[in-house]
PDB file of N, CA and C in Angstrom:
ATOM      1  N   MET A   1      -2.718 -14.297  12.283  1.00  0.00           N
ATOM      2  CA  MET A   1      -3.766 -15.321  11.817  1.00  0.00           C
ATOM      3  C   MET A   1      -3.132 -15.661  10.937  1.00  0.00           C
ATOM      4  N   ASN A   2      -3.283 -17.062  11.039  1.00  0.00           N
ATOM      5  CA  ASN A   2      -2.963 -17.881   9.451  1.00  0.00           C
ATOM      6  C   ASN A   2      -4.021 -18.637   8.859  1.00  0.00           C
ATOM      7  N   LEU A   3      -4.561 -18.000   8.009  1.00  0.00           N
ATOM      8  CA  LEU A   3      -5.530 -18.562   6.937  1.00  0.00           C
ATOM      9  C   LEU A   3      -5.029 -19.022   5.971  1.00  0.00           C
ATOM     10  N   GLU A   4      -5.580 -20.282   5.614  1.00  0.00           N
ATOM     11  CA  GLU A   4      -5.157 -21.138   3.821  1.00  0.00           C
ATOM     12  C   GLU A   4      -6.368 -21.546   3.312  1.00  0.00           C
ATOM     13  N   THR A   5      -6.284 -21.417   2.038  1.00  0.00           N
ATOM     14  CA  THR A   5      -7.066 -21.998   1.311  1.00  0.00           C
ATOM     15  C   THR A   5      -6.889 -22.251   0.101  1.00  0.00           C
ATOM     16  N   ARG A   6      -7.703 -23.191  -0.632  1.00  0.00           N
ATOM     17  CA  ARG A   6      -6.875 -23.893  -1.936  1.00  0.00           C
ATOM     18  C   ARG A   6      -8.001 -23.653  -3.044  1.00  0.00           C
ATOM     19  N   LEU A   7      -7.959 -22.720  -3.958  1.00  0.00           N
ATOM     20  CA  LEU A   7      -8.903 -22.469  -5.082  1.00  0.00           C
ATOM     21  C   LEU A   7      -8.570 -22.671  -6.043  1.00  0.00           C
ATOM     22  N   ARG A   8      -9.513 -22.497  -7.260  1.00  0.00           N
ATOM     23  CA  ARG A   8      -9.183 -23.352  -8.645  1.00  0.00           C
ATOM     24  C   ARG A   8      -9.241 -21.550  -9.554  1.00  0.00           C
ATOM     25  N   VAL A   9      -8.188 -21.819 -10.584  1.00  0.00           N
ATOM     26  CA  VAL A   9      -8.333 -20.490 -11.428  1.00  0.00           C
ATOM     27  C   VAL A   9      -9.232 -20.968 -12.444  1.00  0.00           C
ATOM     28  N   ASN A  10     -10.160 -19.932 -12.918  1.00  0.00           N
ATOM     29  CA  ASN A  10     -11.155 -20.387 -13.692  1.00  0.00           C
ATOM     30  C   ASN A  10     -10.811 -20.183 -15.501  1.00  0.00           C
ATOM     31  N   GLU A  11     -11.395 -20.444 -16.350  1.00  0.00           N
ATOM     32  CA  GLU A  11     -10.774 -20.283 -17.889  1.00  0.00           C
ATOM     33  C   GLU A  11     -10.318 -18.585 -18.332  1.00  0.00           C
ATOM     34  N   ASN A  12     -10.814 -17.961 -17.078  1.00  0.00           N
ATOM     35  CA  ASN A  12     -10.676 -16.205 -17.900  1.00  0.00           C
ATOM     36  C   ASN A  12      -8.895 -16.148 -16.899  1.00  0.00           C
ATOM     37  N   GLY A  13      -8.397 -17.186 -16.171  1.00  0.00           N
ATOM     38  CA  GLY A  13      -7.181 -16.420 -15.245  1.00  0.00           C
ATOM     39  C   GLY A  13      -7.781 -15.912 -13.949  1.00  0.00           C
ATOM     40  N   ARG A  14      -8.906 -15.983 -13.330  1.00  0.00           N
ATOM     41  CA  ARG A  14      -9.744 -15.133 -12.267  1.00  0.00           C
ATOM     42  C   ARG A  14      -9.846 -16.308 -11.214  1.00  0.00           C
ATOM     43  N   VAL A  15      -9.185 -15.594  -9.728  1.00  0.00           N
ATOM     44  CA  VAL A  15      -9.588 -16.189  -8.643  1.00  0.00           C
ATOM     45  C   VAL A  15     -11.010 -15.732  -8.029  1.00  0.00           C
ATOM     46  N   VAL A  16     -11.615 -16.407  -7.176  1.00  0.00           N
ATOM     47  CA  VAL A  16     -12.101 -15.226  -6.273  1.00  0.00           C
ATOM     48  C   VAL A  16     -11.512 -15.207  -4.498  1.00  0.00           C
ATOM     49  N   ILE A  17     -11.435 -14.160  -4.320  1.00  0.00           N
ATOM     50  CA  ILE A  17     -11.175 -13.904  -2.993  1.00  0.00           C
ATOM     51  C   ILE A  17     -12.185 -14.077  -1.827  1.00  0.00           C
ATOM     52  N   PRO A  18     -11.583 -15.097  -0.999  1.00  0.00           N
ATOM     53  CA  PRO A  18     -12.842 -15.407   0.008  1.00  0.00           C
ATOM     54  C   PRO A  18     -13.455 -14.314   0.731  1.00  0.00           C
ATOM     55  N   ALA A  19     -14.175 -13.728   1.489  1.00  0.00           N
ATOM     56  CA  ALA A  19     -15.222 -13.543   2.011  1.00  0.00           C
ATOM     57  C   ALA A  19     -14.370 -13.040   3.394  1.00  0.00           C
ATOM     58  N   SER A  20     -13.450 -14.193   3.926  1.00  0.00           N
ATOM     59  CA  SER A  20     -12.876 -14.087   5.289  1.00  0.00           C
ATOM     60  C   SER A  20     -11.613 -13.676   4.935  1.00  0.00           C
ATOM     61  N   PHE A  21     -11.122 -13.752   3.522  1.00  0.00           N
ATOM     62  CA  PHE A  21      -9.376 -13.308   3.728  1.00  0.00           C
ATOM     63  C   PHE A  21     -10.171 -12.110   2.908  1.00  0.00           C
ATOM     64  N   ARG A  22     -10.755 -11.297   2.428  1.00  0.00           N
ATOM     65  CA  ARG A  22     -10.972  -9.578   2.292  1.00  0.00           C
ATOM     66  C   ARG A  22     -11.156  -8.834   3.608  1.00  0.00           C
ATOM     67  N   LYS A  23     -12.255 -10.039   4.546  1.00  0.00           N
ATOM     68  CA  LYS A  23     -12.193  -9.265   5.915  1.00  0.00           C
ATOM     69  C   LYS A  23     -11.421  -8.900   6.293  1.00  0.00           C
ATOM     70  N   ALA A  24      -9.957 -10.062   6.466  1.00  0.00           N
ATOM     71  CA  ALA A  24      -8.968  -9.956   7.157  1.00  0.00           C
ATOM     72  C   ALA A  24      -8.367  -9.105   6.568  1.00  0.00           C
ATOM     73  N   LEU A  25      -8.280  -8.552   5.594  1.00  0.00           N
ATOM     74  CA  LEU A  25      -6.904  -7.952   4.684  1.00  0.00           C
ATOM     75  C   LEU A  25      -7.443  -6.578   5.009  1.00  0.00           C
ATOM     76  N   GLY A  26      -8.969  -6.272   5.163  1.00  0.00           N
ATOM     77  CA  GLY A  26      -9.467  -4.755   4.605  1.00  0.00           C
ATOM     78  C   GLY A  26      -9.998  -4.683   3.076  1.00  0.00           C
ATOM     79  N   ILE A  27     -10.067  -5.580   2.941  1.00  0.00           N
ATOM     80  CA  ILE A  27     -10.476  -5.272   0.995  1.00  0.00           C
ATOM     81  C   ILE A  27     -12.087  -5.510   1.063  1.00  0.00           C
ATOM     82  N   ASN A  28     -12.337  -3.900   0.329  1.00  0.00           N
ATOM     83  CA  ASN A  28     -13.838  -3.627   0.701  1.00  0.00           C
ATOM     84  C   ASN A  28     -13.720  -3.446  -1.207  1.00  0.00           C
ATOM     85  N   VAL A  29     -15.168  -3.626  -1.620  1.00  0.00           N
ATOM     86  CA  VAL A  29     -15.608  -3.507  -2.715  1.00  0.00           C
ATOM     87  C   VAL A  29     -15.179  -1.891  -2.786  1.00  0.00           C
ATOM     88  N   GLY A  30     -14.534  -2.140  -4.138  1.00  0.00           N
ATOM     89  CA  GLY A  30     -14.029  -0.856  -5.119  1.00  0.00           C
ATOM     90  C   GLY A  30     -12.683  -0.575  -4.919  1.00  0.00           C
ATOM     91  N   ASP A  31     -12.068  -1.046  -3.803  1.00  0.00           N
ATOM     92  CA  ASP A  31     -10.816  -1.043  -3.283  1.00  0.00           C
ATOM     93  C   ASP A  31      -9.729  -1.195  -4.433  1.00  0.00           C
ATOM     94  N   GLU A  32      -8.680  -0.358  -4.371  1.00  0.00           N
ATOM     95  CA  GLU A  32      -7.683  -0.885  -5.605  1.00  0.00           C
ATOM     96  C   GLU A  32      -6.659  -1.746  -4.556  1.00  0.00           C
ATOM     97  N   ILE A  33      -6.267  -3.053  -5.090  1.00  0.00           N
ATOM     98  CA  ILE A  33      -5.182  -3.497  -4.818  1.00  0.00           C
ATOM     99  C   ILE A  33      -3.928  -3.985  -5.201  1.00  0.00           C
ATOM    100  N   VAL A  34      -2.881  -4.494  -4.518  1.00  0.00           N
ATOM    101  CA  VAL A  34      -1.460  -4.575  -5.279  1.00  0.00           C
ATOM    102  C   VAL A  34      -0.955  -6.032  -5.339  1.00  0.00           C
ATOM    103  N   LEU A  35      -0.770  -6.386  -6.211  1.00  0.00           N
ATOM    104  CA  LEU A  35      -0.262  -7.638  -6.738  1.00  0.00           C
ATOM    105  C   LEU A  35       1.377  -7.784  -6.585  1.00  0.00           C
ATOM    106  N   ARG A  36       2.293  -8.909  -6.123  1.00  0.00           N
ATOM    107  CA  ARG A  36       3.520  -8.745  -5.927  1.00  0.00           C
ATOM    108  C   ARG A  36       3.822 -10.362  -6.035  1.00  0.00           C
ATOM    109  N   ILE A  37       4.680 -10.549  -6.423  1.00  0.00           N
ATOM    110  CA  ILE A  37       5.316 -11.526  -6.585  1.00  0.00           C
ATOM    111  C   ILE A  37       6.440 -11.698  -6.010  1.00  0.00           C
ATOM    112  N   GLU A  38       7.032 -12.598  -4.708  1.00  0.00           N
ATOM    113  CA  GLU A  38       7.775 -12.463  -3.729  1.00  0.00           C
ATOM    114  C   GLU A  38       7.894 -14.238  -3.366  1.00  0.00           C
ATOM    115  N   ASP A  39       9.398 -14.054  -3.581  1.00  0.00           N
ATOM    116  CA  ASP A  39       9.555 -15.584  -3.017  1.00  0.00           C
ATOM    117  C   ASP A  39       9.083 -16.903  -3.798  1.00  0.00           C
ATOM    118  N   ASP A  40       8.851 -16.609  -5.292  1.00  0.00           N
ATOM    119  CA  ASP A  40       7.518 -17.258  -5.847  1.00  0.00           C
ATOM    120  C   ASP A  40       6.343 -17.846  -4.653  1.00  0.00           C
ATOM    121  N   GLU A  41       5.838 -16.327  -4.576  1.00  0.00           N
ATOM    122  CA  GLU A  41       4.528 -16.574  -4.101  1.00  0.00           C
ATOM    123  C   GLU A  41       3.604 -15.286  -4.576  1.00  0.00           C
ATOM    124  N   LEU A  42       2.212 -15.074  -4.888  1.00  0.00           N
ATOM    125  CA  LEU A  42       1.684 -14.363  -4.990  1.00  0.00           C
ATOM    126  C   LEU A  42       1.070 -13.246  -3.944  1.00  0.00           C
ATOM    127  N   ARG A  43       1.384 -11.842  -3.204  1.00  0.00           N
ATOM    128  CA  ARG A  43       1.595 -11.275  -2.604  1.00  0.00           C
ATOM    129  C   ARG A  43       0.102 -10.275  -2.979  1.00  0.00           C
ATOM    130  N   ILE A  44      -1.145  -9.956  -1.765  1.00  0.00           N
ATOM    131  CA  ILE A  44      -2.239  -9.231  -2.029  1.00  0.00           C
ATOM    132  C   ILE A  44      -2.069  -8.541  -1.778  1.00  0.00           C
ATOM    133  N   THR A  45      -2.223  -6.908  -1.472  1.00  0.00           N
ATOM    134  CA  THR A  45      -2.475  -5.858  -0.117  1.00  0.00           C
ATOM    135  C   THR A  45      -3.032  -4.619  -1.222  1.00  0.00           C
ATOM    136  N   THR A  46      -4.120  -3.866  -0.306  1.00  0.00           N
ATOM    137  CA  THR A  46      -4.422  -2.837  -0.596  1.00  0.00           C
ATOM    138  C   THR A  46      -3.865  -1.689  -0.868  1.00  0.00           C
ATOM    139  N   LEU A  47      -4.014  -0.697  -2.068  1.00  0.00           N
ATOM    140  CA  LEU A  47      -3.063   0.084  -2.457  1.00  0.00           C
ATOM    141  C   LEU A  47      -2.949   1.255  -0.948  1.00  0.00           C
ATOM    142  N   LYS A  48      -4.119   0.840  -0.387  1.00  0.00           N
ATOM    143  CA  LYS A  48      -4.207   2.135   1.146  1.00  0.00           C
ATOM    144  C   LYS A  48      -3.149   1.188   2.189  1.00  0.00           C
ATOM    145  N   HIS A  49      -2.834  -0.070   2.135  1.00  0.00           N
ATOM    146  CA  HIS A  49      -2.380  -0.493   3.098  1.00  0.00           C
ATOM    147  C   HIS A  49      -0.638  -0.128   3.099  1.00  0.00           C
ATOM    148  N   ARG A  50      -0.223   0.011   1.502  1.00  0.00           N
ATOM    149  CA  ARG A  50       0.986   0.144   0.988  1.00  0.00           C
ATOM    150  C   ARG A  50       1.328   1.360   1.145  1.00  0.00           C
ATOM    151  N   ILE A  51       0.493   2.147   0.961  1.00  0.00           N
ATOM    152  CA  ILE A  51       0.632   3.956   1.953  1.00  0.00           C
ATOM    153  C   ILE A  51       0.576   4.097   2.661  1.00  0.00           C
ATOM    154  N   GLU A  52      -0.074   3.175   3.968  1.00  0.00           N
ATOM    155  CA  GLU A  52       0.304   3.558   5.267  1.00  0.00           C
ATOM    156  C   GLU A  52       1.676   3.221   5.883  1.00  0.00           C
ATOM    157  N   ARG A  53       2.367   1.847   4.668  1.00  0.00           N
ATOM    158  CA  ARG A  53       3.171   1.435   5.086  1.00  0.00           C
ATOM    159  C   ARG A  53       4.558   2.460   4.888  1.00  0.00           C
ATOM    160  N   ALA A  54       4.085   3.017   4.215  1.00  0.00           N
ATOM    161  CA  ALA A  54       5.309   3.762   3.633  1.00  0.00           C
ATOM    162  C   ALA A  54       5.323   5.225   4.153  1.00  0.00           C
ATOM    163  N   GLN A  55       3.982   5.540   4.818  1.00  0.00           N
ATOM    164  CA  GLN A  55       4.190   6.672   5.633  1.00  0.00           C
ATOM    165  C   GLN A  55       4.472   6.450   6.984  1.00  0.00           C
ATOM    166  N   ARG A  56       4.498   5.354   7.447  1.00  0.00           N
ATOM    167  CA  ARG A  56       5.256   4.351   8.570  1.00  0.00           C
ATOM    168  C   ARG A  56       6.754   4.743   8.877  1.00  0.00           C
ATOM    169  N   LEU A  57       7.842   3.924   7.810  1.00  0.00           N
ATOM    170  CA  LEU A  57       8.847   3.877   7.424  1.00  0.00           C
ATOM    171  C   LEU A  57       9.376   5.281   7.170  1.00  0.00           C
ATOM    172  N   VAL A  58       8.968   6.183   6.448  1.00  0.00           N
ATOM    173  CA  VAL A  58       9.089   7.435   6.830  1.00  0.00           C
ATOM    174  C   VAL A  58       8.967   8.302   7.613  1.00  0.00           C
ATOM    175  N   ARG A  59       7.875   8.055   8.740  1.00  0.00           N
ATOM    176  CA  ARG A  59       8.146   8.577   9.933  1.00  0.00           C
ATOM    177  C   ARG A  59       9.186   8.179  10.633  1.00  0.00           C
ATOM    178  N   GLN A  60       9.875   7.238  10.534  1.00  0.00           N
ATOM    179  CA  GLN A  60      11.037   6.345  11.308  1.00  0.00           C
ATOM    180  C   GLN A  60      12.055   7.579  11.530  1.00  0.00           C
ATOM    181  N   HIS A  61      12.262   8.199  10.032  1.00  0.00           N
ATOM    182  CA  HIS A  61      13.645   9.260  10.083  1.00  0.00           C
ATOM    183  C   HIS A  61      12.933  10.564  10.135  1.00  0.00           C
ATOM    184  N   VAL A  62      11.927  10.694  10.457  1.00  0.00           N
ATOM    185  CA  VAL A  62      11.961  12.130  10.371  1.00  0.00           C
ATOM    186  C   VAL A  62      11.529  12.608  11.731  1.00  0.00           C
ATOM    187  N   LYS A  63      12.590  13.851  12.180  1.00  0.00           N
ATOM    188  CA  LYS A  63      11.953  14.174  13.720  1.00  0.00           C
ATOM    189  C   LYS A  63      10.602  14.639  13.902  1.00  0.00           C
ATOM    190  N   PRO A  64      10.244  14.434  15.363  1.00  0.00           N
ATOM    191  CA  PRO A  64       8.627  14.750  15.693  1.00  0.00           C
ATOM    192  C   PRO A  64       8.559  16.300  15.619  1.00  0.00           C
ATOM    193  N   GLY A  65       7.847  16.362  15.160  1.00  0.00           N
ATOM    194  CA  GLY A  65       7.176  18.081  15.055  1.00  0.00           C
ATOM    195  C   GLY A  65       8.071  18.854  14.000  1.00  0.00           C
ATOM    196  N   THR A  66       8.307  17.705  12.938  1.00  0.00           N
ATOM    197  CA  THR A  66       8.864  18.394  11.430  1.00  0.00           C
ATOM    198  C   THR A  66       7.817  17.905  10.398  1.00  0.00           C
ATOM    199  N   SER A  67       7.595  19.256   9.847  1.00  0.00           N
ATOM    200  CA  SER A  67       6.374  18.943   8.520  1.00  0.00           C
ATOM    201  C   SER A  67       7.213  18.915   7.430  1.00  0.00           C
ATOM    202  N   LEU A  68       6.965  17.827   7.094  1.00  0.00           N
ATOM    203  CA  LEU A  68       7.856  17.687   5.515  1.00  0.00           C
ATOM    204  C   LEU A  68       6.932  18.415   4.329  1.00  0.00           C
ATOM    205  N   VAL A  69       5.884  18.641   4.208  1.00  0.00           N
ATOM    206  CA  VAL A  69       5.215  19.549   3.427  1.00  0.00           C
ATOM    207  C   VAL A  69       5.474  20.894   3.502  1.00  0.00           C
ATOM    208  N   ASP A  70       5.417  21.718   4.776  1.00  0.00           N
ATOM    209  CA  ASP A  70       6.194  22.684   5.078  1.00  0.00           C
ATOM    210  C   ASP A  70       7.937  22.970   3.950  1.00  0.00           C
ATOM    211  N   GLU A  71       8.519  21.874   4.284  1.00  0.00           N
ATOM    212  CA  GLU A  71       9.861  21.690   4.339  1.00  0.00           C
ATOM    213  C   GLU A  71      10.059  22.355   2.350  1.00  0.00           C
ATOM    214  N   LEU A  72       8.989  21.614   2.384  1.00  0.00           N
ATOM    215  CA  LEU A  72       9.066  21.143   0.567  1.00  0.00           C
ATOM    216  C   LEU A  72       8.300  22.244   0.264  1.00  0.00           C
ATOM    217  N   ILE A  73       7.267  23.102   0.502  1.00  0.00           N
ATOM    218  CA  ILE A  73       6.961  24.606   0.503  1.00  0.00           C
ATOM    219  C   ILE A  73       7.819  25.478   0.064  1.00  0.00           C
ATOM    220  N   ALA A  74       8.926  25.018   1.277  1.00  0.00           N
ATOM    221  CA  ALA A  74       9.709  26.529   1.312  1.00  0.00           C
ATOM    222  C   ALA A  74      10.682  25.922   0.598  1.00  0.00           C
ATOM    223  N   GLU A  75      11.391  24.840   0.376  1.00  0.00           N
ATOM    224  CA  GLU A  75      12.301  24.736  -0.937  1.00  0.00           C
ATOM    225  C   GLU A  75      11.963  24.928  -2.162  1.00  0.00           C
ATOM    226  N   ARG A  76      10.661  24.839  -2.553  1.00  0.00           N
ATOM    227  CA  ARG A  76       9.546  25.179  -3.743  1.00  0.00           C
ATOM    228  C   ARG A  76      10.196  27.226  -3.989  1.00  0.00           C
ATOM    229  N   ARG A  77       9.662  27.502  -2.960  1.00  0.00           N
ATOM    230  CA  ARG A  77       9.717  29.051  -3.232  1.00  0.00           C
ATOM    231  C   ARG A  77      11.242  29.596  -3.003  1.00  0.00           C
ATOM    232  N   GLU A  78      11.920  28.779  -2.521  1.00  0.00           N
ATOM    233  CA  GLU A  78      13.603  29.104  -2.773  1.00  0.00           C
ATOM    234  C   GLU A  78      13.819  28.664  -4.377  1.00  0.00           C
ATOM    235  N   ALA A  79      13.760  27.848  -4.751  1.00  0.00           N
ATOM    236  CA  ALA A  79      14.071  27.378  -6.259  1.00  0.00           C
ATOM    237  C   ALA A  79      13.350  28.504  -6.826  1.00  0.00           C
ATOM    238  N   ALA A  80      12.002  29.227  -6.615  1.00  0.00           N
ATOM    239  CA  ALA A  80      11.293  29.922  -7.658  1.00  0.00           C
ATOM    240  C   ALA A  80      11.958  31.433  -7.433  1.00  0.00           C
ATOM    241  N   ARG A  81      12.597  31.677  -6.089  1.00  0.00           N
ATOM    242  CA  ARG A  81      13.170  32.933  -6.009  1.00  0.00           C
ATOM    243  C   ARG A  81      14.524  33.285  -6.875  1.00  0.00           C
ATOM    244  N   ASN A  82      15.141  31.980  -7.042  1.00  0.00           N
ATOM    245  CA  ASN A  82      16.436  31.854  -8.126  1.00  0.00           C
ATOM    246  C   ASN A  82      16.531  31.687  -9.403  1.00  0.00           C
ATOM    247  N   GLU A  83      14.729  31.080  -9.672  1.00  0.00           N
ATOM    248  CA  GLU A  83      15.076  31.698 -10.918  1.00  0.00           C
ATOM    249  C   GLU A  83      15.235  32.550 -12.201  1.00  0.00           C
TER     250      GLU A  83
END
């Protein structure tokens, strides 16, 4: 999808994200968004999408059937026993 539009920044430094862009990005009322400057461009994504991306990256390095939560709990219990 290659959506592009031109906007004007108002006197308060605000811009309105058009509905078609919000829909394409899955941005809903009340969502937290993340702004990032990359290669002299402003990138916008939702916090939810950032978390999902991070989870996908982690899954690439974890063996199937492995529970990171169970491993963390076991490590914490071991550390508590050694205190």
